[in-house]
Amino acid sequence: MQIDYPFHVDDRRRTAETDEEDHVRDLIEQVLFTNPGERVNRPDFGAGLDQLVFGPNSPEMATTVQALAQGALQQWLADRVRVDAVEVTADEGALRVTVRYSLLRNLERRTAVFSRGSAG
């Protein structure tokens, strides 16, 4: 078992735990939405997508964000997942990120969807 993200206390008043599959999803969320510089001992950790919620919306920006997100996921989680696809859509202050990935330990395919902004 792993510590659940975001950190919270469960019904037993203990640190909440989660299974391995949910933990990997939590790690993906942390990589995508942590801003570089937020982690003291890992200043280059994260893709910083939260900063882009209210940015300009264009096909070029979507392509840039997809490349940024995929690169960060491959850099930080290459030992756990194979990133198959990242899709990013932004619309009026909302950012939606869909990540399709395979768990390396069993090659099971997964899809995770994350939203931030007015729709998240």
C-alpha atoms as a PDB file:
ATOM      1  CA  MET A   1       0.000   0.000   0.000  1.00  0.00           C
ATOM      2  CA  GLN A   2       1.033   3.594  -0.653  1.00  0.00           C
ATOM      3  CA  ILE A   3       0.102   6.933   0.938  1.00  0.00           C
ATOM      4  CA  ASP A   4      -2.884   8.447  -0.878  1.00  0.00           C
ATOM      5  CA  TYR A   5      -2.676  11.820  -2.630  1.00  0.00           C
ATOM      6  CA  PRO A   6      -3.672  14.375  -1.680  1.00  0.00           C
ATOM      7  CA  PHE A   7      -2.635  13.535   1.856  1.00  0.00           C
ATOM      8  CA  HIS A   8      -5.581  12.991   4.209  1.00  0.00           C
ATOM      9  CA  VAL A   9      -6.691  10.974   7.206  1.00  0.00           C
ATOM     10  CA  ASP A  10      -9.014   8.001   6.717  1.00  0.00           C
ATOM     11  CA  ASP A  11     -12.028   6.916   8.820  1.00  0.00           C
ATOM     12  CA  ARG A  12      -9.724   5.136  11.245  1.00  0.00           C
ATOM     13  CA  ARG A  13      -7.858   8.421  11.868  1.00  0.00           C
ATOM     14  CA  ARG A  14      -4.765   7.072  10.155  1.00  0.00           C
ATOM     15  CA  THR A  15      -2.885   8.210   7.098  1.00  0.00           C
ATOM     16  CA  ALA A  16      -5.021   7.224   4.103  1.00  0.00           C
ATOM     17  CA  GLU A  17      -3.520   4.558   1.873  1.00  0.00           C
ATOM     18  CA  THR A  18      -4.190   3.513  -1.685  1.00  0.00           C
ATOM     19  CA  ASP A  19      -3.351   0.629  -4.022  1.00  0.00           C
ATOM     20  CA  GLU A  20      -0.522   0.646  -6.570  1.00  0.00           C
ATOM     21  CA  GLU A  21      -2.683   1.531  -9.595  1.00  0.00           C
ATOM     22  CA  ASP A  22      -4.233   4.558  -7.875  1.00  0.00           C
ATOM     23  CA  HIS A  23      -0.813   5.576  -6.567  1.00  0.00           C
ATOM     24  CA  VAL A  24       0.545   5.700 -10.141  1.00  0.00           C
ATOM     25  CA  ARG A  25      -2.424   7.880 -11.152  1.00  0.00           C
ATOM     26  CA  ASP A  26      -1.644  10.154  -8.191  1.00  0.00           C
ATOM     27  CA  LEU A  27       1.991  10.380  -9.335  1.00  0.00           C
ATOM     28  CA  ILE A  28       0.897  11.386 -12.833  1.00  0.00           C
ATOM     29  CA  GLU A  29      -1.266  14.154 -11.376  1.00  0.00           C
ATOM     30  CA  GLN A  30       1.625  15.392  -9.252  1.00  0.00           C
ATOM     31  CA  VAL A  31       3.995  15.512 -12.241  1.00  0.00           C
ATOM     32  CA  LEU A  32       1.486  17.358 -14.412  1.00  0.00           C
ATOM     33  CA  PHE A  33       0.413  20.023 -11.937  1.00  0.00           C
ATOM     34  CA  THR A  34       3.503  20.645  -9.805  1.00  0.00           C
ATOM     35  CA  ASN A  35       5.276  23.816 -10.887  1.00  0.00           C
ATOM     36  CA  PRO A  36       9.026  23.569 -11.404  1.00  0.00           C
ATOM     37  CA  GLY A  37      10.659  25.138  -8.361  1.00  0.00           C
ATOM     38  CA  GLU A  38       7.967  24.018  -5.870  1.00  0.00           C
ATOM     39  CA  ARG A  39       9.968  21.046  -4.588  1.00  0.00           C
ATOM     40  CA  VAL A  40      13.019  22.071  -2.602  1.00  0.00           C
ATOM     41  CA  ASN A  41      15.238  19.103  -3.410  1.00  0.00           C
ATOM     42  CA  ARG A  42      13.909  18.652  -6.964  1.00  0.00           C
ATOM     43  CA  PRO A  43      13.647  22.139  -8.458  1.00  0.00           C
ATOM     44  CA  ASP A  44      13.091  20.818 -11.998  1.00  0.00           C
ATOM     45  CA  PHE A  45      10.270  18.412 -11.004  1.00  0.00           C
ATOM     46  CA  GLY A  46       6.890  18.912 -12.642  1.00  0.00           C
ATOM     47  CA  ALA A  47       5.279  20.154 -15.823  1.00  0.00           C
ATOM     48  CA  GLY A  48       3.584  23.217 -14.305  1.00  0.00           C
ATOM     49  CA  LEU A  49       0.327  22.866 -16.209  1.00  0.00           C
ATOM     50  CA  ASP A  50      -1.586  24.826 -13.529  1.00  0.00           C
ATOM     51  CA  GLN A  51       0.148  27.953 -14.834  1.00  0.00           C
ATOM     52  CA  LEU A  52      -1.422  27.423 -18.247  1.00  0.00           C
ATOM     53  CA  VAL A  53      -5.100  27.338 -17.235  1.00  0.00           C
ATOM     54  CA  PHE A  54      -5.692  30.990 -18.100  1.00  0.00           C
ATOM     55  CA  GLY A  55      -3.134  31.210 -20.910  1.00  0.00           C
ATOM     56  CA  PRO A  56      -4.004  31.837 -24.550  1.00  0.00           C
ATOM     57  CA  ASN A  57      -5.836  29.014 -26.274  1.00  0.00           C
ATOM     58  CA  SER A  58      -4.544  28.000 -29.699  1.00  0.00           C
ATOM     59  CA  PRO A  59      -3.591  24.825 -31.575  1.00  0.00           C
ATOM     60  CA  GLU A  60       0.070  25.777 -31.183  1.00  0.00           C
ATOM     61  CA  MET A  61      -0.312  26.138 -27.406  1.00  0.00           C
ATOM     62  CA  ALA A  62      -2.097  22.778 -27.170  1.00  0.00           C
ATOM     63  CA  THR A  63       0.748  21.097 -29.068  1.00  0.00           C
ATOM     64  CA  THR A  64       3.334  22.750 -26.813  1.00  0.00           C
ATOM     65  CA  VAL A  65       1.486  21.720 -23.660  1.00  0.00           C
ATOM     66  CA  GLN A  66       1.130  18.140 -24.894  1.00  0.00           C
ATOM     67  CA  ALA A  67       4.866  17.915 -25.564  1.00  0.00           C
ATOM     68  CA  LEU A  68       5.680  19.486 -22.183  1.00  0.00           C
ATOM     69  CA  ALA A  69       3.367  17.097 -20.328  1.00  0.00           C
ATOM     70  CA  GLN A  70       4.560  13.992 -22.164  1.00  0.00           C
ATOM     71  CA  GLY A  71       8.215  14.931 -21.652  1.00  0.00           C
ATOM     72  CA  ALA A  72       7.751  15.510 -17.921  1.00  0.00           C
ATOM     73  CA  LEU A  73       5.879  12.214 -17.485  1.00  0.00           C
ATOM     74  CA  GLN A  74       8.576  10.308 -19.338  1.00  0.00           C
ATOM     75  CA  GLN A  75      11.324  12.012 -17.350  1.00  0.00           C
ATOM     76  CA  TRP A  76       9.843  11.375 -13.916  1.00  0.00           C
ATOM     77  CA  LEU A  77       7.803   8.180 -14.314  1.00  0.00           C
ATOM     78  CA  ALA A  78       9.669   6.161 -16.957  1.00  0.00           C
ATOM     79  CA  ASP A  79      10.372   3.479 -14.348  1.00  0.00           C
ATOM     80  CA  ARG A  80       6.628   2.903 -13.745  1.00  0.00           C
ATOM     81  CA  VAL A  81       4.682   3.733 -16.899  1.00  0.00           C
ATOM     82  CA  ARG A  82       4.921   3.944 -20.658  1.00  0.00           C
ATOM     83  CA  VAL A  83       3.101   7.072 -21.810  1.00  0.00           C
ATOM     84  CA  ASP A  84       1.056   6.167 -24.883  1.00  0.00           C
ATOM     85  CA  ALA A  85      -0.671   9.517 -25.483  1.00  0.00           C
ATOM     86  CA  VAL A  86      -1.346  12.870 -23.862  1.00  0.00           C
ATOM     87  CA  GLU A  87      -4.259  15.034 -25.002  1.00  0.00           C
ATOM     88  CA  VAL A  88      -4.691  18.577 -23.697  1.00  0.00           C
ATOM     89  CA  THR A  89      -7.689  20.805 -24.235  1.00  0.00           C
ATOM     90  CA  ALA A  90      -8.175  24.316 -22.876  1.00  0.00           C
ATOM     91  CA  ASP A  91     -11.448  26.191 -22.958  1.00  0.00           C
ATOM     92  CA  GLU A  92     -12.387  29.408 -21.155  1.00  0.00           C
ATOM     93  CA  GLY A  93     -10.266  29.003 -18.040  1.00  0.00           C
ATOM     94  CA  ALA A  94     -10.439  25.214 -17.847  1.00  0.00           C
ATOM     95  CA  LEU A  95      -7.667  22.787 -18.680  1.00  0.00           C
ATOM     96  CA  ARG A  96      -8.369  19.105 -19.325  1.00  0.00           C
ATOM     97  CA  VAL A  97      -5.553  16.583 -19.654  1.00  0.00           C
ATOM     98  CA  THR A  98      -6.127  12.985 -20.746  1.00  0.00           C
ATOM     99  CA  VAL A  99      -3.209  10.609 -20.289  1.00  0.00           C
ATOM    100  CA  ARG A 100      -3.202   7.133 -21.815  1.00  0.00           C
ATOM    101  CA  TYR A 101      -0.499   4.954 -20.332  1.00  0.00           C
ATOM    102  CA  SER A 102       0.551   1.378 -19.667  1.00  0.00           C
ATOM    103  CA  LEU A 103       1.810   0.127 -16.316  1.00  0.00           C
ATOM    104  CA  LEU A 104       5.256  -1.374 -16.880  1.00  0.00           C
ATOM    105  CA  ARG A 105       4.888  -4.108 -14.294  1.00  0.00           C
ATOM    106  CA  ASN A 106       2.022  -5.808 -16.137  1.00  0.00           C
ATOM    107  CA  LEU A 107       1.508  -3.754 -19.355  1.00  0.00           C
ATOM    108  CA  GLU A 108      -2.063  -3.016 -18.311  1.00  0.00           C
ATOM    109  CA  ARG A 109      -3.412  -0.011 -20.217  1.00  0.00           C
ATOM    110  CA  ARG A 110      -5.009   2.848 -18.311  1.00  0.00           C
ATOM    111  CA  THR A 111      -6.536   6.245 -19.000  1.00  0.00           C
ATOM    112  CA  ALA A 112      -6.551   9.101 -16.503  1.00  0.00           C
ATOM    113  CA  VAL A 113      -8.349  12.413 -16.958  1.00  0.00           C
ATOM    114  CA  PHE A 114      -7.454  15.526 -14.963  1.00  0.00           C
ATOM    115  CA  SER A 115      -9.191  18.915 -14.966  1.00  0.00           C
ATOM    116  CA  ARG A 116      -8.171  22.268 -13.542  1.00  0.00           C
ATOM    117  CA  GLY A 117      -9.789  25.680 -13.589  1.00  0.00           C
ATOM    118  CA  SER A 118     -13.488  26.463 -13.832  1.00  0.00           C
ATOM    119  CA  ALA A 119     -14.362  22.902 -14.869  1.00  0.00           C
ATOM    120  CA  GLY A 120     -12.073  21.240 -12.312  1.00  0.00           C
END
